Amino acid sequence: GISRPALMTLLPAMGGEHDAFVMMDV
């Protein structure tokens, strides 16, 4: 059901509610 697996990483968030965010596809 997933047509294209992807590469995910975490990056720092300098503002907002959390310290990091998910980014994909990288």
PDB file of all heavy atoms in Angstrom:
ATOM      1  N   GLY A   1       0.801  -1.217   0.000  1.00  0.00           N
ATOM      2  CA  GLY A   1       0.000   0.000   0.000  1.00  0.00           C
ATOM      3  C   GLY A   1       0.829   1.259   0.000  1.00  0.00           C
ATOM      4  O   GLY A   1       0.307   2.342  -0.259  1.00  0.00           O
ATOM      5  N   ILE A   2       2.124   1.119   0.291  1.00  0.00           N
ATOM      6  CA  ILE A   2       3.043   2.256   0.200  1.00  0.00           C
ATOM      7  C   ILE A   2       3.783   2.143  -1.130  1.00  0.00           C
ATOM      8  O   ILE A   2       4.505   1.183  -1.369  1.00  0.00           O
ATOM      9  CB  ILE A   2       4.050   2.267   1.374  1.00  0.00           C
ATOM     10  CG1 ILE A   2       3.318   2.486   2.699  1.00  0.00           C
ATOM     11  CG2 ILE A   2       5.106   3.354   1.165  1.00  0.00           C
ATOM     12  CD1 ILE A   2       2.619   3.813   2.828  1.00  0.00           C
ATOM     13  N   SER A   3       3.581   3.115  -1.998  1.00  0.00           N
ATOM     14  CA  SER A   3       4.133   3.009  -3.342  1.00  0.00           C
ATOM     15  C   SER A   3       5.601   3.407  -3.424  1.00  0.00           C
ATOM     16  O   SER A   3       6.320   2.938  -4.305  1.00  0.00           O
ATOM     17  CB  SER A   3       3.319   3.870  -4.311  1.00  0.00           C
ATOM     18  OG  SER A   3       3.245   5.208  -3.860  1.00  0.00           O
ATOM     19  N   ARG A   4       6.074   4.242  -2.502  1.00  0.00           N
ATOM     20  CA  ARG A   4       7.448   4.739  -2.632  1.00  0.00           C
ATOM     21  C   ARG A   4       8.044   5.013  -1.243  1.00  0.00           C
ATOM     22  O   ARG A   4       7.849   6.096  -0.690  1.00  0.00           O
ATOM     23  CB  ARG A   4       7.436   6.019  -3.461  1.00  0.00           C
ATOM     24  CG  ARG A   4       8.798   6.473  -3.971  1.00  0.00           C
ATOM     25  CD  ARG A   4       9.333   5.589  -5.060  1.00  0.00           C
ATOM     26  NE  ARG A   4       8.556   5.669  -6.280  1.00  0.00           N
ATOM     27  CZ  ARG A   4       8.731   6.571  -7.243  1.00  0.00           C
ATOM     28  NH1 ARG A   4       9.657   7.493  -7.136  1.00  0.00           N
ATOM     29  NH2 ARG A   4       7.984   6.535  -8.331  1.00  0.00           N
ATOM     30  N   PRO A   5       8.746   4.040  -0.637  1.00  0.00           N
ATOM     31  CA  PRO A   5       9.431   4.328   0.629  1.00  0.00           C
ATOM     32  C   PRO A   5      10.379   5.519   0.460  1.00  0.00           C
ATOM     33  O   PRO A   5      10.876   5.787  -0.636  1.00  0.00           O
ATOM     34  CB  PRO A   5      10.207   3.032   0.909  1.00  0.00           C
ATOM     35  CG  PRO A   5       9.425   1.974   0.199  1.00  0.00           C
ATOM     36  CD  PRO A   5       8.930   2.641  -1.055  1.00  0.00           C
ATOM     37  N   ALA A   6      10.627   6.228   1.547  1.00  0.00           N
ATOM     38  CA  ALA A   6      11.426   7.450   1.474  1.00  0.00           C
ATOM     39  C   ALA A   6      12.380   7.535   2.656  1.00  0.00           C
ATOM     40  O   ALA A   6      12.243   6.815   3.645  1.00  0.00           O
ATOM     41  CB  ALA A   6      10.519   8.674   1.436  1.00  0.00           C
ATOM     42  N   LEU A   7      13.336   8.438   2.524  1.00  0.00           N
ATOM     43  CA  LEU A   7      14.347   8.640   3.560  1.00  0.00           C
ATOM     44  C   LEU A   7      13.953   9.833   4.428  1.00  0.00           C
ATOM     45  O   LEU A   7      13.705  10.929   3.918  1.00  0.00           O
ATOM     46  CB  LEU A   7      15.698   8.883   2.902  1.00  0.00           C
ATOM     47  CG  LEU A   7      16.960   8.716   3.754  1.00  0.00           C
ATOM     48  CD1 LEU A   7      17.062   7.287   4.292  1.00  0.00           C
ATOM     49  CD2 LEU A   7      18.187   9.057   2.931  1.00  0.00           C
ATOM     50  N   MET A   8      13.892   9.596   5.726  1.00  0.00           N
ATOM     51  CA  MET A   8      13.467  10.614   6.679  1.00  0.00           C
ATOM     52  C   MET A   8      14.596  10.963   7.637  1.00  0.00           C
ATOM     53  O   MET A   8      15.350  10.088   8.059  1.00  0.00           O
ATOM     54  CB  MET A   8      12.269  10.088   7.486  1.00  0.00           C
ATOM     55  CG  MET A   8      11.731  11.052   8.534  1.00  0.00           C
ATOM     56  SD  MET A   8      11.478  10.253  10.135  1.00  0.00           S
ATOM     57  CE  MET A   8      13.133  10.283  10.818  1.00  0.00           C
ATOM     58  N   THR A   9      14.711  12.253   7.960  1.00  0.00           N
ATOM     59  CA  THR A   9      15.676  12.680   8.960  1.00  0.00           C
ATOM     60  C   THR A   9      15.038  13.701   9.880  1.00  0.00           C
ATOM     61  O   THR A   9      13.928  14.189   9.619  1.00  0.00           O
ATOM     62  CB  THR A   9      16.931  13.272   8.277  1.00  0.00           C
ATOM     63  OG1 THR A   9      17.973  13.401   9.245  1.00  0.00           O
ATOM     64  CG2 THR A   9      16.638  14.635   7.662  1.00  0.00           C
ATOM     65  N   LEU A  10      15.726  14.035  10.966  1.00  0.00           N
ATOM     66  CA  LEU A  10      15.270  15.074  11.895  1.00  0.00           C
ATOM     67  C   LEU A  10      16.182  16.279  11.782  1.00  0.00           C
ATOM     68  O   LEU A  10      17.394  16.149  11.636  1.00  0.00           O
ATOM     69  CB  LEU A  10      15.282  14.565  13.335  1.00  0.00           C
ATOM     70  CG  LEU A  10      14.295  13.460  13.706  1.00  0.00           C
ATOM     71  CD1 LEU A  10      14.432  13.115  15.186  1.00  0.00           C
ATOM     72  CD2 LEU A  10      12.867  13.869  13.404  1.00  0.00           C
ATOM     73  N   LEU A  11      15.580  17.463  11.860  1.00  0.00           N
ATOM     74  CA  LEU A  11      16.322  18.714  11.850  1.00  0.00           C
ATOM     75  C   LEU A  11      15.895  19.560  13.052  1.00  0.00           C
ATOM     76  O   LEU A  11      14.758  19.435  13.531  1.00  0.00           O
ATOM     77  CB  LEU A  11      16.049  19.486  10.552  1.00  0.00           C
ATOM     78  CG  LEU A  11      16.687  18.909   9.284  1.00  0.00           C
ATOM     79  CD1 LEU A  11      16.191  19.658   8.055  1.00  0.00           C
ATOM     80  CD2 LEU A  11      18.200  18.980   9.364  1.00  0.00           C
ATOM     81  N   PRO A  12      16.784  20.437  13.535  1.00  0.00           N
ATOM     82  CA  PRO A  12      16.436  21.255  14.698  1.00  0.00           C
ATOM     83  C   PRO A  12      15.418  22.334  14.344  1.00  0.00           C
ATOM     84  O   PRO A  12      15.458  22.914  13.255  1.00  0.00           O
ATOM     85  CB  PRO A  12      17.776  21.881  15.099  1.00  0.00           C
ATOM     86  CG  PRO A  12      18.569  21.897  13.837  1.00  0.00           C
ATOM     87  CD  PRO A  12      18.171  20.665  13.088  1.00  0.00           C
ATOM     88  N   ALA A  13      14.500  22.571  15.249  1.00  0.00           N
ATOM     89  CA  ALA A  13      13.523  23.662  15.108  1.00  0.00           C
ATOM     90  C   ALA A  13      13.889  24.751  16.103  1.00  0.00           C
ATOM     91  O   ALA A  13      13.949  24.510  17.303  1.00  0.00           O
ATOM     92  CB  ALA A  13      12.105  23.150  15.363  1.00  0.00           C
ATOM     93  N   MET A  14      14.163  25.937  15.595  1.00  0.00           N
ATOM     94  CA  MET A  14      14.599  27.037  16.443  1.00  0.00           C
ATOM     95  C   MET A  14      13.438  27.854  17.022  1.00  0.00           C
ATOM     96  O   MET A  14      13.636  28.797  17.766  1.00  0.00           O
ATOM     97  CB  MET A  14      15.523  27.970  15.649  1.00  0.00           C
ATOM     98  CG  MET A  14      16.742  27.264  15.077  1.00  0.00           C
ATOM     99  SD  MET A  14      17.689  26.415  16.364  1.00  0.00           S
ATOM    100  CE  MET A  14      18.913  25.571  15.369  1.00  0.00           C
ATOM    101  N   GLY A  15      12.251  27.497  16.636  1.00  0.00           N
ATOM    102  CA  GLY A  15      11.071  28.175  17.166  1.00  0.00           C
ATOM    103  C   GLY A  15       9.924  27.194  17.194  1.00  0.00           C
ATOM    104  O   GLY A  15      10.048  26.051  16.771  1.00  0.00           O
ATOM    105  N   GLY A  16       8.796  27.616  17.698  1.00  0.00           N
ATOM    106  CA  GLY A  16       7.649  26.728  17.737  1.00  0.00           C
ATOM    107  C   GLY A  16       7.614  25.878  18.989  1.00  0.00           C
ATOM    108  O   GLY A  16       8.372  26.063  19.938  1.00  0.00           O
ATOM    109  N   GLU A  17       6.752  24.870  18.948  1.00  0.00           N
ATOM    110  CA  GLU A  17       6.458  24.072  20.130  1.00  0.00           C
ATOM    111  C   GLU A  17       7.510  23.020  20.437  1.00  0.00           C
ATOM    112  O   GLU A  17       7.731  22.668  21.593  1.00  0.00           O
ATOM    113  CB  GLU A  17       5.090  23.398  19.930  1.00  0.00           C
ATOM    114  CG  GLU A  17       4.594  22.611  21.120  1.00  0.00           C
ATOM    115  CD  GLU A  17       3.224  22.007  20.875  1.00  0.00           C
ATOM    116  OE1 GLU A  17       2.574  22.377  19.878  1.00  0.00           O
ATOM    117  OE2 GLU A  17       2.807  21.169  21.696  1.00  0.00           O
ATOM    118  N   HIS A  18       8.191  22.498  19.400  1.00  0.00           N
ATOM    119  CA  HIS A  18       9.112  21.380  19.579  1.00  0.00           C
ATOM    120  C   HIS A  18      10.537  21.740  19.174  1.00  0.00           C
ATOM    121  O   HIS A  18      10.756  22.727  18.470  1.00  0.00           O
ATOM    122  CB  HIS A  18       8.615  20.182  18.772  1.00  0.00           C
ATOM    123  CG  HIS A  18       7.235  19.737  19.123  1.00  0.00           C
ATOM    124  ND1 HIS A  18       6.177  19.827  18.237  1.00  0.00           N
ATOM    125  CD2 HIS A  18       6.727  19.223  20.264  1.00  0.00           C
ATOM    126  CE1 HIS A  18       5.089  19.370  18.817  1.00  0.00           C
ATOM    127  NE2 HIS A  18       5.389  19.005  20.045  1.00  0.00           N
ATOM    128  N   ASP A  19      11.488  20.899  19.600  1.00  0.00           N
ATOM    129  CA  ASP A  19      12.908  21.163  19.344  1.00  0.00           C
ATOM    130  C   ASP A  19      13.382  20.643  17.995  1.00  0.00           C
ATOM    131  O   ASP A  19      14.475  20.995  17.545  1.00  0.00           O
ATOM    132  CB  ASP A  19      13.757  20.530  20.450  1.00  0.00           C
ATOM    133  CG  ASP A  19      13.520  21.169  21.803  1.00  0.00           C
ATOM    134  OD1 ASP A  19      13.135  22.351  21.834  1.00  0.00           O
ATOM    135  OD2 ASP A  19      13.699  20.476  22.821  1.00  0.00           O
ATOM    136  N   ALA A  20      12.597  19.762  17.374  1.00  0.00           N
ATOM    137  CA  ALA A  20      13.019  19.165  16.106  1.00  0.00           C
ATOM    138  C   ALA A  20      11.796  18.868  15.253  1.00  0.00           C
ATOM    139  O   ALA A  20      10.674  18.776  15.749  1.00  0.00           O
ATOM    140  CB  ALA A  20      13.814  17.887  16.360  1.00  0.00           C
ATOM    141  N   PHE A  21      12.038  18.713  13.953  1.00  0.00           N
ATOM    142  CA  PHE A  21      10.953  18.333  13.050  1.00  0.00           C
ATOM    143  C   PHE A  21      11.419  17.245  12.097  1.00  0.00           C
ATOM    144  O   PHE A  21      12.620  17.085  11.838  1.00  0.00           O
ATOM    145  CB  PHE A  21      10.417  19.544  12.279  1.00  0.00           C
ATOM    146  CG  PHE A  21      11.391  20.168  11.314  1.00  0.00           C
ATOM    147  CD1 PHE A  21      11.441  19.777   9.984  1.00  0.00           C
ATOM    148  CD2 PHE A  21      12.263  21.169  11.730  1.00  0.00           C
ATOM    149  CE1 PHE A  21      12.334  20.360   9.089  1.00  0.00           C
ATOM    150  CE2 PHE A  21      13.158  21.758  10.847  1.00  0.00           C
ATOM    151  CZ  PHE A  21      13.192  21.347   9.523  1.00  0.00           C
ATOM    152  N   VAL A  22      10.463  16.494  11.585  1.00  0.00           N
ATOM    153  CA  VAL A  22      10.699  15.425  10.627  1.00  0.00           C
ATOM    154  C   VAL A  22      10.739  16.027   9.230  1.00  0.00           C
ATOM    155  O   VAL A  22       9.920  16.877   8.886  1.00  0.00           O
ATOM    156  CB  VAL A  22       9.569  14.383  10.709  1.00  0.00           C
ATOM    157  CG1 VAL A  22       9.640  13.404   9.538  1.00  0.00           C
ATOM    158  CG2 VAL A  22       9.615  13.643  12.035  1.00  0.00           C
ATOM    159  N   MET A  23      11.697  15.558   8.403  1.00  0.00           N
ATOM    160  CA  MET A  23      11.735  15.978   7.009  1.00  0.00           C
ATOM    161  C   MET A  23      11.922  14.752   6.127  1.00  0.00           C
ATOM    162  O   MET A  23      12.786  13.919   6.371  1.00  0.00           O
ATOM    163  CB  MET A  23      12.865  16.970   6.757  1.00  0.00           C
ATOM    164  CG  MET A  23      12.857  17.544   5.353  1.00  0.00           C
ATOM    165  SD  MET A  23      14.006  18.943   5.197  1.00  0.00           S
ATOM    166  CE  MET A  23      13.841  19.277   3.443  1.00  0.00           C
ATOM    167  N   MET A  24      11.061  14.642   5.100  1.00  0.00           N
ATOM    168  CA  MET A  24      11.164  13.541   4.148  1.00  0.00           C
ATOM    169  C   MET A  24      10.428  13.912   2.863  1.00  0.00           C
ATOM    170  O   MET A  24       9.489  14.701   2.919  1.00  0.00           O
ATOM    171  CB  MET A  24      10.625  12.241   4.729  1.00  0.00           C
ATOM    172  CG  MET A  24       9.125  12.223   5.025  1.00  0.00           C
ATOM    173  SD  MET A  24       8.587  10.694   5.814  1.00  0.00           S
ATOM    174  CE  MET A  24       8.904   9.486   4.545  1.00  0.00           C
ATOM    175  N   ASP A  25      10.935  13.494   1.752  1.00  0.00           N
ATOM    176  CA  ASP A  25      12.054  12.634   1.454  1.00  0.00           C
ATOM    177  C   ASP A  25      13.310  13.495   1.355  1.00  0.00           C
ATOM    178  O   ASP A  25      13.271  14.596   0.817  1.00  0.00           O
ATOM    179  CB  ASP A  25      11.768  11.908   0.152  1.00  0.00           C
ATOM    180  CG  ASP A  25      12.842  10.966  -0.310  1.00  0.00           C
ATOM    181  OD1 ASP A  25      13.695  10.577   0.490  1.00  0.00           O
ATOM    182  OD2 ASP A  25      12.834  10.619  -1.497  1.00  0.00           O
ATOM    183  N   VAL A  26      14.450  12.977   1.836  1.00  0.00           N
ATOM    184  CA  VAL A  26      15.696  13.734   1.757  1.00  0.00           C
ATOM    185  C   VAL A  26      16.715  13.038   0.859  1.00  0.00           C
ATOM    186  O   VAL A  26      17.920  13.186   1.049  1.00  0.00           O
ATOM    187  CB  VAL A  26      16.294  13.992   3.164  1.00  0.00           C
ATOM    188  CG1 VAL A  26      15.409  14.954   3.938  1.00  0.00           C
ATOM    189  CG2 VAL A  26      16.510  12.696   3.937  1.00  0.00           C
TER     190      VAL A  26
END
